[in-house]
Amino acid sequence: MQSEVKSGSVKSRMVFAGFVLVPLVLLAAALVLQHVKGQEPCPLCVMQRAGFVLFALIALAAAIQHPRGRAAAAYAAALALTALAGLGVAIRHVWVLFHPKFGCGIDVLEEFVNNLPTAKLLPWLFHASGECTAPHEPLLGLQVPEWSLIWFSLLFLAAIVFAAKCWSAARAGAPA
């Protein structure tokens, strides 16, 4: 029984560690595009970055805390909600790409995003200075917001599946 608990909790810790790694890699790629390729982030880009950071921080807290059962399910549900919020911003950004005359509210939204404490503390990551409709070279045929939409969708689905698994394991009395 003890080895089951250990292997189950190690497994959930590894899942949460994976949930930390994915958005960090995506953020690193965004920073390369910004600082090496010169693609300035727009307000919607910055909001998506914030979503990835929040997702990674929640996953990191879960990996450190090492929750089991319902607590692990609650962390996974929080990850799903965070991914869902990022997904909403990504959907809006993709819509703006295909409807450029509507823009992203660069005046109001940019001012709001750039006045947040995160933009002042970490301007190299959270300062918006680009246009939401600015054409950039596609990566494997897709624009960055489209990739963001795909990754938020995958993270959302993975978090939902993991939350359900943790919840059912908690109901059965087994580790997640």
C-alpha atoms as a PDB file:
ATOM      1  CA  MET A   1       0.000   0.000   0.000  1.00  0.00           C
ATOM      2  CA  GLN A   2       2.813   2.396   0.914  1.00  0.00           C
ATOM      3  CA  SER A   3       4.540   1.902  -2.446  1.00  0.00           C
ATOM      4  CA  GLU A   4       1.199   2.553  -4.237  1.00  0.00           C
ATOM      5  CA  VAL A   5       0.835   5.867  -2.429  1.00  0.00           C
ATOM      6  CA  LYS A   6       4.409   6.778  -3.201  1.00  0.00           C
ATOM      7  CA  SER A   7       4.200   5.922  -6.892  1.00  0.00           C
ATOM      8  CA  GLY A   8       0.822   7.668  -7.224  1.00  0.00           C
ATOM      9  CA  SER A   9       2.037  10.867  -5.610  1.00  0.00           C
ATOM     10  CA  VAL A  10       5.285  10.806  -7.590  1.00  0.00           C
ATOM     11  CA  LYS A  11       3.198  10.397 -10.732  1.00  0.00           C
ATOM     12  CA  SER A  12       1.022  13.420  -9.900  1.00  0.00           C
ATOM     13  CA  ARG A  13       4.130  15.427  -9.037  1.00  0.00           C
ATOM     14  CA  MET A  14       5.571  14.569 -12.449  1.00  0.00           C
ATOM     15  CA  VAL A  15       2.329  15.607 -14.178  1.00  0.00           C
ATOM     16  CA  PHE A  16       2.368  18.948 -12.372  1.00  0.00           C
ATOM     17  CA  ALA A  17       6.069  19.354 -13.246  1.00  0.00           C
ATOM     18  CA  GLY A  18       5.153  18.759 -16.890  1.00  0.00           C
ATOM     19  CA  PHE A  19       2.445  21.383 -16.529  1.00  0.00           C
ATOM     20  CA  VAL A  20       5.190  23.778 -15.357  1.00  0.00           C
ATOM     21  CA  LEU A  21       7.549  22.940 -18.182  1.00  0.00           C
ATOM     22  CA  VAL A  22       5.203  23.415 -21.152  1.00  0.00           C
ATOM     23  CA  PRO A  23       4.286  27.093 -20.561  1.00  0.00           C
ATOM     24  CA  LEU A  24       7.879  27.938 -19.616  1.00  0.00           C
ATOM     25  CA  VAL A  25       9.108  26.577 -22.953  1.00  0.00           C
ATOM     26  CA  LEU A  26       6.377  28.540 -24.739  1.00  0.00           C
ATOM     27  CA  LEU A  27       7.348  31.713 -22.865  1.00  0.00           C
ATOM     28  CA  ALA A  28      10.998  31.151 -23.773  1.00  0.00           C
ATOM     29  CA  ALA A  29       9.978  30.860 -27.429  1.00  0.00           C
ATOM     30  CA  ALA A  30       7.969  34.098 -27.130  1.00  0.00           C
ATOM     31  CA  LEU A  31      10.998  35.870 -25.659  1.00  0.00           C
ATOM     32  CA  VAL A  32      13.185  34.645 -28.516  1.00  0.00           C
ATOM     33  CA  LEU A  33      10.641  35.977 -31.017  1.00  0.00           C
ATOM     34  CA  GLN A  34      10.566  39.295 -29.160  1.00  0.00           C
ATOM     35  CA  HIS A  35      14.213  39.905 -28.354  1.00  0.00           C
ATOM     36  CA  VAL A  36      15.919  38.063 -31.232  1.00  0.00           C
ATOM     37  CA  LYS A  37      13.403  38.319 -34.092  1.00  0.00           C
ATOM     38  CA  GLY A  38      12.078  41.760 -33.123  1.00  0.00           C
ATOM     39  CA  GLN A  39       8.406  40.782 -32.860  1.00  0.00           C
ATOM     40  CA  GLU A  40       7.030  43.223 -30.298  1.00  0.00           C
ATOM     41  CA  PRO A  41       4.169  41.838 -28.183  1.00  0.00           C
ATOM     42  CA  CYS A  42       0.763  43.483 -28.355  1.00  0.00           C
ATOM     43  CA  PRO A  43      -1.576  43.799 -25.351  1.00  0.00           C
ATOM     44  CA  LEU A  44      -3.326  40.535 -26.208  1.00  0.00           C
ATOM     45  CA  CYS A  45       0.073  38.801 -26.491  1.00  0.00           C
ATOM     46  CA  VAL A  46       1.010  40.082 -23.048  1.00  0.00           C
ATOM     47  CA  MET A  47      -2.285  38.862 -21.599  1.00  0.00           C
ATOM     48  CA  GLN A  48      -1.616  35.417 -23.084  1.00  0.00           C
ATOM     49  CA  ARG A  49       1.879  35.462 -21.595  1.00  0.00           C
ATOM     50  CA  ALA A  50       0.332  36.275 -18.218  1.00  0.00           C
ATOM     51  CA  GLY A  51      -1.957  33.276 -18.648  1.00  0.00           C
ATOM     52  CA  PHE A  52       1.001  30.990 -19.326  1.00  0.00           C
ATOM     53  CA  VAL A  53       2.890  32.413 -16.327  1.00  0.00           C
ATOM     54  CA  LEU A  54      -0.107  31.950 -14.021  1.00  0.00           C
ATOM     55  CA  PHE A  55      -0.598  28.394 -15.311  1.00  0.00           C
ATOM     56  CA  ALA A  56       3.077  27.603 -14.629  1.00  0.00           C
ATOM     57  CA  LEU A  57       2.948  29.157 -11.140  1.00  0.00           C
ATOM     58  CA  ILE A  58      -0.137  27.154 -10.128  1.00  0.00           C
ATOM     59  CA  ALA A  59       1.456  23.973 -11.476  1.00  0.00           C
ATOM     60  CA  LEU A  60       4.690  24.781  -9.638  1.00  0.00           C
ATOM     61  CA  ALA A  61       2.816  25.277  -6.362  1.00  0.00           C
ATOM     62  CA  ALA A  62       1.108  21.920  -6.902  1.00  0.00           C
ATOM     63  CA  ALA A  63       4.374  20.171  -7.725  1.00  0.00           C
ATOM     64  CA  ILE A  64       5.967  21.591  -4.572  1.00  0.00           C
ATOM     65  CA  GLN A  65       2.991  20.967  -2.310  1.00  0.00           C
ATOM     66  CA  HIS A  66       2.537  17.449  -3.651  1.00  0.00           C
ATOM     67  CA  PRO A  67      -1.279  17.257  -3.286  1.00  0.00           C
ATOM     68  CA  ARG A  68      -3.251  14.022  -3.463  1.00  0.00           C
ATOM     69  CA  GLY A  69      -6.827  13.127  -4.214  1.00  0.00           C
ATOM     70  CA  ARG A  70      -9.273  16.001  -4.104  1.00  0.00           C
ATOM     71  CA  ALA A  71      -6.519  18.575  -3.493  1.00  0.00           C
ATOM     72  CA  ALA A  72      -4.738  17.441  -6.675  1.00  0.00           C
ATOM     73  CA  ALA A  73      -8.079  17.616  -8.504  1.00  0.00           C
ATOM     74  CA  ALA A  74      -8.588  21.161  -7.200  1.00  0.00           C
ATOM     75  CA  TYR A  75      -5.157  22.216  -8.468  1.00  0.00           C
ATOM     76  CA  ALA A  76      -5.897  20.612 -11.843  1.00  0.00           C
ATOM     77  CA  ALA A  77      -9.255  22.418 -11.957  1.00  0.00           C
ATOM     78  CA  ALA A  78      -7.480  25.724 -11.228  1.00  0.00           C
ATOM     79  CA  LEU A  79      -5.102  24.948 -14.093  1.00  0.00           C
ATOM     80  CA  ALA A  80      -8.073  24.235 -16.367  1.00  0.00           C
ATOM     81  CA  LEU A  81      -9.697  27.558 -15.458  1.00  0.00           C
ATOM     82  CA  THR A  82      -6.451  29.418 -16.089  1.00  0.00           C
ATOM     83  CA  ALA A  83      -6.024  27.706 -19.460  1.00  0.00           C
ATOM     84  CA  LEU A  84      -9.644  28.519 -20.291  1.00  0.00           C
ATOM     85  CA  ALA A  85      -9.036  32.211 -19.580  1.00  0.00           C
ATOM     86  CA  GLY A  86      -5.912  32.167 -21.770  1.00  0.00           C
ATOM     87  CA  LEU A  87      -7.890  30.348 -24.420  1.00  0.00           C
ATOM     88  CA  GLY A  88     -10.475  33.126 -24.401  1.00  0.00           C
ATOM     89  CA  VAL A  89      -7.788  35.754 -24.968  1.00  0.00           C
ATOM     90  CA  ALA A  90      -6.194  33.643 -27.703  1.00  0.00           C
ATOM     91  CA  ILE A  91      -9.560  33.223 -29.443  1.00  0.00           C
ATOM     92  CA  ARG A  92     -10.049  36.980 -29.370  1.00  0.00           C
ATOM     93  CA  HIS A  93      -6.533  37.520 -30.738  1.00  0.00           C
ATOM     94  CA  VAL A  94      -7.038  35.079 -33.606  1.00  0.00           C
ATOM     95  CA  TRP A  95     -10.351  36.761 -34.386  1.00  0.00           C
ATOM     96  CA  VAL A  96      -8.584  40.142 -34.488  1.00  0.00           C
ATOM     97  CA  LEU A  97      -5.979  38.695 -36.880  1.00  0.00           C
ATOM     98  CA  PHE A  98      -8.725  37.772 -39.320  1.00  0.00           C
ATOM     99  CA  HIS A  99     -10.669  41.020 -38.777  1.00  0.00           C
ATOM    100  CA  PRO A 100      -7.899  43.647 -38.696  1.00  0.00           C
ATOM    101  CA  LYS A 101     -10.196  46.651 -38.963  1.00  0.00           C
ATOM    102  CA  PHE A 102     -11.407  45.956 -35.398  1.00  0.00           C
ATOM    103  CA  GLY A 103      -7.914  45.861 -33.863  1.00  0.00           C
ATOM    104  CA  CYS A 104      -7.334  45.040 -30.225  1.00  0.00           C
ATOM    105  CA  GLY A 105      -8.090  48.352 -28.598  1.00  0.00           C
ATOM    106  CA  ILE A 106      -4.449  49.350 -28.678  1.00  0.00           C
ATOM    107  CA  ASP A 107      -5.030  52.690 -26.959  1.00  0.00           C
ATOM    108  CA  VAL A 108      -7.049  51.565 -23.940  1.00  0.00           C
ATOM    109  CA  LEU A 109      -5.855  47.974 -23.640  1.00  0.00           C
ATOM    110  CA  GLU A 110      -2.182  48.816 -24.104  1.00  0.00           C
ATOM    111  CA  GLU A 111      -2.359  51.521 -21.446  1.00  0.00           C
ATOM    112  CA  PHE A 112      -4.121  49.135 -19.045  1.00  0.00           C
ATOM    113  CA  VAL A 113      -1.640  46.276 -19.620  1.00  0.00           C
ATOM    114  CA  ASN A 114       1.413  48.532 -19.382  1.00  0.00           C
ATOM    115  CA  ASN A 115       0.217  50.049 -16.090  1.00  0.00           C
ATOM    116  CA  LEU A 116      -0.099  46.677 -14.367  1.00  0.00           C
ATOM    117  CA  PRO A 117       2.558  45.893 -11.743  1.00  0.00           C
ATOM    118  CA  THR A 118       3.818  42.961 -13.822  1.00  0.00           C
ATOM    119  CA  ALA A 119       4.700  45.303 -16.704  1.00  0.00           C
ATOM    120  CA  LYS A 120       6.614  47.548 -14.337  1.00  0.00           C
ATOM    121  CA  LEU A 121       8.444  44.684 -12.575  1.00  0.00           C
ATOM    122  CA  LEU A 122       9.194  42.578 -15.662  1.00  0.00           C
ATOM    123  CA  PRO A 123       8.994  44.880 -18.701  1.00  0.00           C
ATOM    124  CA  TRP A 124      11.078  42.503 -20.843  1.00  0.00           C
ATOM    125  CA  LEU A 125       8.216  39.986 -20.517  1.00  0.00           C
ATOM    126  CA  PHE A 126       5.012  41.974 -19.917  1.00  0.00           C
ATOM    127  CA  HIS A 127       5.389  45.338 -21.703  1.00  0.00           C
ATOM    128  CA  ALA A 128       3.064  45.681 -24.703  1.00  0.00           C
ATOM    129  CA  SER A 129       4.322  47.774 -27.585  1.00  0.00           C
ATOM    130  CA  GLY A 130       3.137  45.984 -30.710  1.00  0.00           C
ATOM    131  CA  GLU A 131       0.017  45.945 -32.855  1.00  0.00           C
ATOM    132  CA  CYS A 132      -2.362  42.976 -32.523  1.00  0.00           C
ATOM    133  CA  THR A 133      -2.781  42.852 -36.289  1.00  0.00           C
ATOM    134  CA  ALA A 134       0.929  43.237 -37.141  1.00  0.00           C
ATOM    135  CA  PRO A 135       1.927  40.678 -39.771  1.00  0.00           C
ATOM    136  CA  HIS A 136       4.718  38.400 -38.630  1.00  0.00           C
ATOM    137  CA  GLU A 137       6.364  35.483 -40.344  1.00  0.00           C
ATOM    138  CA  PRO A 138       4.280  32.359 -39.645  1.00  0.00           C
ATOM    139  CA  LEU A 139       5.811  29.499 -37.671  1.00  0.00           C
ATOM    140  CA  LEU A 140       5.049  26.201 -39.418  1.00  0.00           C
ATOM    141  CA  GLY A 141       2.213  27.913 -41.248  1.00  0.00           C
ATOM    142  CA  LEU A 142       0.525  29.477 -38.205  1.00  0.00           C
ATOM    143  CA  GLN A 143       0.712  32.881 -36.541  1.00  0.00           C
ATOM    144  CA  VAL A 144       1.816  33.052 -32.888  1.00  0.00           C
ATOM    145  CA  PRO A 145      -1.739  33.707 -31.584  1.00  0.00           C
ATOM    146  CA  GLU A 146      -2.915  30.585 -33.403  1.00  0.00           C
ATOM    147  CA  TRP A 147      -0.170  28.571 -31.707  1.00  0.00           C
ATOM    148  CA  SER A 148      -1.183  30.092 -28.405  1.00  0.00           C
ATOM    149  CA  LEU A 149      -4.781  29.013 -29.019  1.00  0.00           C
ATOM    150  CA  ILE A 150      -3.645  25.454 -29.759  1.00  0.00           C
ATOM    151  CA  TRP A 151      -1.452  25.266 -26.647  1.00  0.00           C
ATOM    152  CA  PHE A 152      -4.087  26.735 -24.326  1.00  0.00           C
ATOM    153  CA  SER A 153      -6.566  24.211 -25.756  1.00  0.00           C
ATOM    154  CA  LEU A 154      -4.166  21.324 -25.137  1.00  0.00           C
ATOM    155  CA  LEU A 155      -3.357  22.521 -21.614  1.00  0.00           C
ATOM    156  CA  PHE A 156      -7.068  22.937 -20.870  1.00  0.00           C
ATOM    157  CA  LEU A 157      -7.894  19.430 -22.082  1.00  0.00           C
ATOM    158  CA  ALA A 158      -4.943  17.884 -20.238  1.00  0.00           C
ATOM    159  CA  ALA A 159      -5.870  19.663 -17.000  1.00  0.00           C
ATOM    160  CA  ILE A 160      -9.515  18.544 -17.304  1.00  0.00           C
ATOM    161  CA  VAL A 161      -8.481  14.921 -17.912  1.00  0.00           C
ATOM    162  CA  PHE A 162      -6.043  15.030 -14.999  1.00  0.00           C
ATOM    163  CA  ALA A 163      -8.629  16.645 -12.692  1.00  0.00           C
ATOM    164  CA  ALA A 164     -11.132  13.912 -13.578  1.00  0.00           C
ATOM    165  CA  LYS A 165      -8.509  11.237 -12.962  1.00  0.00           C
ATOM    166  CA  CYS A 166      -7.582  12.734  -9.592  1.00  0.00           C
ATOM    167  CA  TRP A 167     -11.217  13.088  -8.616  1.00  0.00           C
ATOM    168  CA  SER A 168     -12.088   9.495  -9.534  1.00  0.00           C
ATOM    169  CA  ALA A 169      -8.974   8.229  -7.750  1.00  0.00           C
ATOM    170  CA  ALA A 170      -9.969  10.201  -4.641  1.00  0.00           C
ATOM    171  CA  ARG A 171     -13.451   8.699  -4.740  1.00  0.00           C
ATOM    172  CA  ALA A 172     -11.969   5.212  -5.032  1.00  0.00           C
ATOM    173  CA  GLY A 173      -9.509   5.924  -2.225  1.00  0.00           C
ATOM    174  CA  ALA A 174      -6.465   5.481  -4.458  1.00  0.00           C
ATOM    175  CA  PRO A 175      -3.686   7.996  -5.152  1.00  0.00           C
ATOM    176  CA  ALA A 176      -3.897  10.097  -8.333  1.00  0.00           C
END
